[in-house]
Amino acid sequence: MFPLSLILRATAGSLWGKNEIRNKRTSSFITMIVSLTPLFVSLLSFPILGERLKIIQLIGGVFIISSGFLAEKMKM
């Protein structure tokens, strides 16, 4: 029963938080955060799973981060 309760509370909390952020942030900011998810997963897989990142993957991560920052800085 405890794991089910934990899962339900975590799901409800994440849905509530997602709705709060949508009301307070712009769509470009939310898109930037969502596009960073694969990058964070890749960076966390290195110490946890022992995977190795190739140079092209690191370059792609730099492009993702820089495009997110440029999108936020260039909006009017």
N, C-alpha and C. Protein backbone atom coordinates (compact mmCIF):
# COMPACT_ATOMS: atom_id res chain seq x y z
N MET A 1 0.82 -1.20 0.00
CA MET A 1 0.00 0.00 0.00
C MET A 1 0.86 1.26 0.00
N PHE A 2 2.02 1.19 0.69
CA PHE A 2 2.89 2.36 0.75
C PHE A 2 3.41 2.79 -0.62
N PRO A 3 3.91 1.87 -1.46
CA PRO A 3 4.40 2.31 -2.78
C PRO A 3 3.29 2.95 -3.63
N LEU A 4 2.08 2.42 -3.54
CA LEU A 4 0.97 3.00 -4.31
C LEU A 4 0.69 4.42 -3.84
N SER A 5 0.69 4.64 -2.55
CA SER A 5 0.47 5.97 -2.00
C SER A 5 1.57 6.93 -2.45
N LEU A 6 2.80 6.46 -2.42
CA LEU A 6 3.92 7.29 -2.85
C LEU A 6 3.81 7.65 -4.32
N ILE A 7 3.44 6.68 -5.14
CA ILE A 7 3.29 6.92 -6.58
C ILE A 7 2.18 7.92 -6.84
N LEU A 8 1.05 7.77 -6.17
CA LEU A 8 -0.08 8.68 -6.38
C LEU A 8 0.25 10.10 -5.93
N ARG A 9 0.93 10.25 -4.81
CA ARG A 9 1.29 11.58 -4.33
C ARG A 9 2.32 12.23 -5.26
N ALA A 10 3.28 11.47 -5.74
CA ALA A 10 4.29 12.02 -6.65
C ALA A 10 3.66 12.44 -7.97
N THR A 11 2.73 11.64 -8.47
CA THR A 11 2.06 11.99 -9.73
C THR A 11 1.20 13.23 -9.56
N ALA A 12 0.44 13.29 -8.47
CA ALA A 12 -0.40 14.46 -8.22
C ALA A 12 0.44 15.72 -8.04
N GLY A 13 1.55 15.59 -7.33
CA GLY A 13 2.42 16.74 -7.13
C GLY A 13 3.07 17.22 -8.42
N SER A 14 3.46 16.30 -9.26
CA SER A 14 4.09 16.72 -10.52
C SER A 14 3.08 17.35 -11.46
N LEU A 15 1.85 16.84 -11.49
CA LEU A 15 0.82 17.46 -12.32
C LEU A 15 0.46 18.85 -11.82
N TRP A 16 0.37 19.00 -10.51
CA TRP A 16 0.08 20.32 -9.94
C TRP A 16 1.20 21.30 -10.28
N GLY A 17 2.46 20.86 -10.11
CA GLY A 17 3.60 21.72 -10.40
C GLY A 17 3.67 22.10 -11.87
N LYS A 18 3.35 21.15 -12.74
CA LYS A 18 3.37 21.44 -14.18
C LYS A 18 2.33 22.50 -14.53
N ASN A 19 1.15 22.40 -13.95
CA ASN A 19 0.11 23.39 -14.21
C ASN A 19 0.47 24.76 -13.65
N GLU A 20 1.12 24.81 -12.50
CA GLU A 20 1.54 26.09 -11.94
C GLU A 20 2.60 26.75 -12.81
N ILE A 21 3.54 25.96 -13.30
CA ILE A 21 4.60 26.53 -14.15
C ILE A 21 4.01 27.03 -15.46
N ARG A 22 3.05 26.30 -16.03
CA ARG A 22 2.45 26.74 -17.28
C ARG A 22 1.76 28.08 -17.14
N ASN A 23 1.22 28.37 -15.98
CA ASN A 23 0.54 29.65 -15.77
C ASN A 23 1.51 30.80 -15.55
N LYS A 24 2.73 30.51 -15.13
CA LYS A 24 3.67 31.57 -14.77
C LYS A 24 4.82 31.77 -15.75
N ARG A 25 5.05 30.84 -16.66
CA ARG A 25 6.18 30.93 -17.59
C ARG A 25 5.72 30.98 -19.03
N THR A 26 6.62 31.43 -19.90
CA THR A 26 6.29 31.50 -21.32
C THR A 26 6.47 30.13 -21.96
N SER A 27 5.87 29.98 -23.12
CA SER A 27 5.97 28.69 -23.82
C SER A 27 7.40 28.43 -24.30
N SER A 28 8.15 29.47 -24.62
CA SER A 28 9.54 29.25 -25.05
C SER A 28 10.39 28.72 -23.90
N PHE A 29 10.13 29.19 -22.68
CA PHE A 29 10.87 28.69 -21.52
C PHE A 29 10.55 27.22 -21.27
N ILE A 30 9.27 26.87 -21.35
CA ILE A 30 8.87 25.49 -21.11
C ILE A 30 9.46 24.57 -22.18
N THR A 31 9.47 25.02 -23.43
CA THR A 31 10.05 24.24 -24.51
C THR A 31 11.54 24.03 -24.30
N MET A 32 12.22 25.05 -23.81
CA MET A 32 13.65 24.93 -23.54
C MET A 32 13.89 23.89 -22.45
N ILE A 33 13.11 23.91 -21.39
CA ILE A 33 13.29 22.95 -20.30
C ILE A 33 13.02 21.53 -20.80
N VAL A 34 11.97 21.35 -21.60
CA VAL A 34 11.64 20.01 -22.11
C VAL A 34 12.73 19.52 -23.05
N SER A 35 13.32 20.41 -23.83
CA SER A 35 14.37 19.98 -24.75
C SER A 35 15.67 19.64 -24.02
N LEU A 36 15.83 20.09 -22.79
CA LEU A 36 17.03 19.77 -22.03
C LEU A 36 16.95 18.40 -21.35
N THR A 37 15.78 17.79 -21.32
CA THR A 37 15.62 16.50 -20.64
C THR A 37 16.55 15.42 -21.20
N PRO A 38 16.65 15.22 -22.51
CA PRO A 38 17.59 14.20 -23.01
C PRO A 38 19.04 14.48 -22.62
N LEU A 39 19.39 15.74 -22.56
CA LEU A 39 20.75 16.09 -22.17
C LEU A 39 21.01 15.71 -20.71
N PHE A 40 20.07 16.02 -19.82
CA PHE A 40 20.23 15.65 -18.42
C PHE A 40 20.29 14.14 -18.24
N VAL A 41 19.47 13.42 -18.98
CA VAL A 41 19.49 11.96 -18.90
C VAL A 41 20.83 11.42 -19.37
N SER A 42 21.36 11.98 -20.43
CA SER A 42 22.67 11.54 -20.93
C SER A 42 23.77 11.82 -19.92
N LEU A 43 23.73 12.99 -19.31
CA LEU A 43 24.76 13.33 -18.33
C LEU A 43 24.67 12.48 -17.07
N LEU A 44 23.46 12.12 -16.67
CA LEU A 44 23.30 11.27 -15.50
C LEU A 44 23.63 9.81 -15.79
N SER A 45 23.51 9.38 -17.04
CA SER A 45 23.83 7.99 -17.37
C SER A 45 25.33 7.73 -17.28
N PHE A 46 26.13 8.76 -17.40
CA PHE A 46 27.58 8.56 -17.32
C PHE A 46 28.00 8.05 -15.94
N PRO A 47 27.68 8.76 -14.83
CA PRO A 47 28.14 8.24 -13.53
C PRO A 47 27.32 7.05 -13.02
N ILE A 48 26.05 6.99 -13.37
CA ILE A 48 25.19 5.94 -12.81
C ILE A 48 25.36 4.62 -13.55
N LEU A 49 25.29 4.66 -14.88
CA LEU A 49 25.36 3.43 -15.67
C LEU A 49 26.73 3.16 -16.27
N GLY A 50 27.64 4.12 -16.16
CA GLY A 50 28.98 3.94 -16.70
C GLY A 50 29.05 4.08 -18.21
N GLU A 51 28.07 4.73 -18.82
CA GLU A 51 28.09 4.92 -20.27
C GLU A 51 29.08 6.03 -20.63
N ARG A 52 29.54 5.99 -21.86
CA ARG A 52 30.49 6.98 -22.36
C ARG A 52 29.80 7.85 -23.40
N LEU A 53 30.05 9.16 -23.32
CA LEU A 53 29.52 10.08 -24.31
C LEU A 53 30.56 10.29 -25.40
N LYS A 54 30.09 10.29 -26.63
CA LYS A 54 30.98 10.55 -27.75
C LYS A 54 31.05 12.07 -27.97
N ILE A 55 32.04 12.50 -28.70
CA ILE A 55 32.25 13.93 -28.91
C ILE A 55 31.07 14.55 -29.65
N ILE A 56 30.46 13.82 -30.57
CA ILE A 56 29.33 14.37 -31.32
C ILE A 56 28.12 14.57 -30.40
N GLN A 57 27.99 13.70 -29.39
CA GLN A 57 26.90 13.86 -28.42
C GLN A 57 27.13 15.09 -27.54
N LEU A 58 28.37 15.32 -27.16
CA LEU A 58 28.68 16.51 -26.37
C LEU A 58 28.45 17.79 -27.18
N ILE A 59 28.81 17.77 -28.46
CA ILE A 59 28.58 18.92 -29.32
C ILE A 59 27.08 19.18 -29.45
N GLY A 60 26.29 18.12 -29.60
CA GLY A 60 24.84 18.26 -29.66
C GLY A 60 24.28 18.85 -28.38
N GLY A 61 24.81 18.45 -27.23
CA GLY A 61 24.38 19.01 -25.96
C GLY A 61 24.69 20.50 -25.86
N VAL A 62 25.85 20.89 -26.36
CA VAL A 62 26.20 22.31 -26.36
C VAL A 62 25.24 23.09 -27.25
N PHE A 63 24.87 22.52 -28.40
CA PHE A 63 23.90 23.19 -29.27
C PHE A 63 22.54 23.33 -28.60
N ILE A 64 22.11 22.31 -27.89
CA ILE A 64 20.81 22.37 -27.20
C ILE A 64 20.82 23.45 -26.13
N ILE A 65 21.87 23.49 -25.32
CA ILE A 65 21.95 24.49 -24.26
C ILE A 65 22.05 25.90 -24.83
N SER A 66 22.90 26.08 -25.83
CA SER A 66 23.07 27.42 -26.39
C SER A 66 21.81 27.90 -27.10
N SER A 67 21.10 27.02 -27.78
CA SER A 67 19.87 27.46 -28.44
C SER A 67 18.80 27.82 -27.42
N GLY A 68 18.77 27.13 -26.29
CA GLY A 68 17.82 27.50 -25.24
C GLY A 68 18.13 28.86 -24.66
N PHE A 69 19.40 29.13 -24.39
CA PHE A 69 19.76 30.44 -23.87
C PHE A 69 19.50 31.54 -24.88
N LEU A 70 19.80 31.29 -26.15
CA LEU A 70 19.54 32.29 -27.18
C LEU A 70 18.04 32.56 -27.33
N ALA A 71 17.23 31.55 -27.23
CA ALA A 71 15.78 31.74 -27.34
C ALA A 71 15.26 32.61 -26.21
N GLU A 72 15.80 32.44 -25.01
CA GLU A 72 15.35 33.24 -23.88
C GLU A 72 15.87 34.67 -23.99
N LYS A 73 17.11 34.86 -24.44
CA LYS A 73 17.68 36.19 -24.52
C LYS A 73 17.10 37.02 -25.66
N MET A 74 16.71 36.35 -26.76
CA MET A 74 16.28 37.09 -27.95
C MET A 74 14.77 37.37 -27.96
N LYS A 75 14.03 36.82 -27.02
CA LYS A 75 12.58 37.09 -27.03
C LYS A 75 12.32 38.54 -26.60
N MET A 76 11.27 39.09 -27.13
CA MET A 76 11.00 40.50 -26.85
C MET A 76 9.84 40.69 -25.96
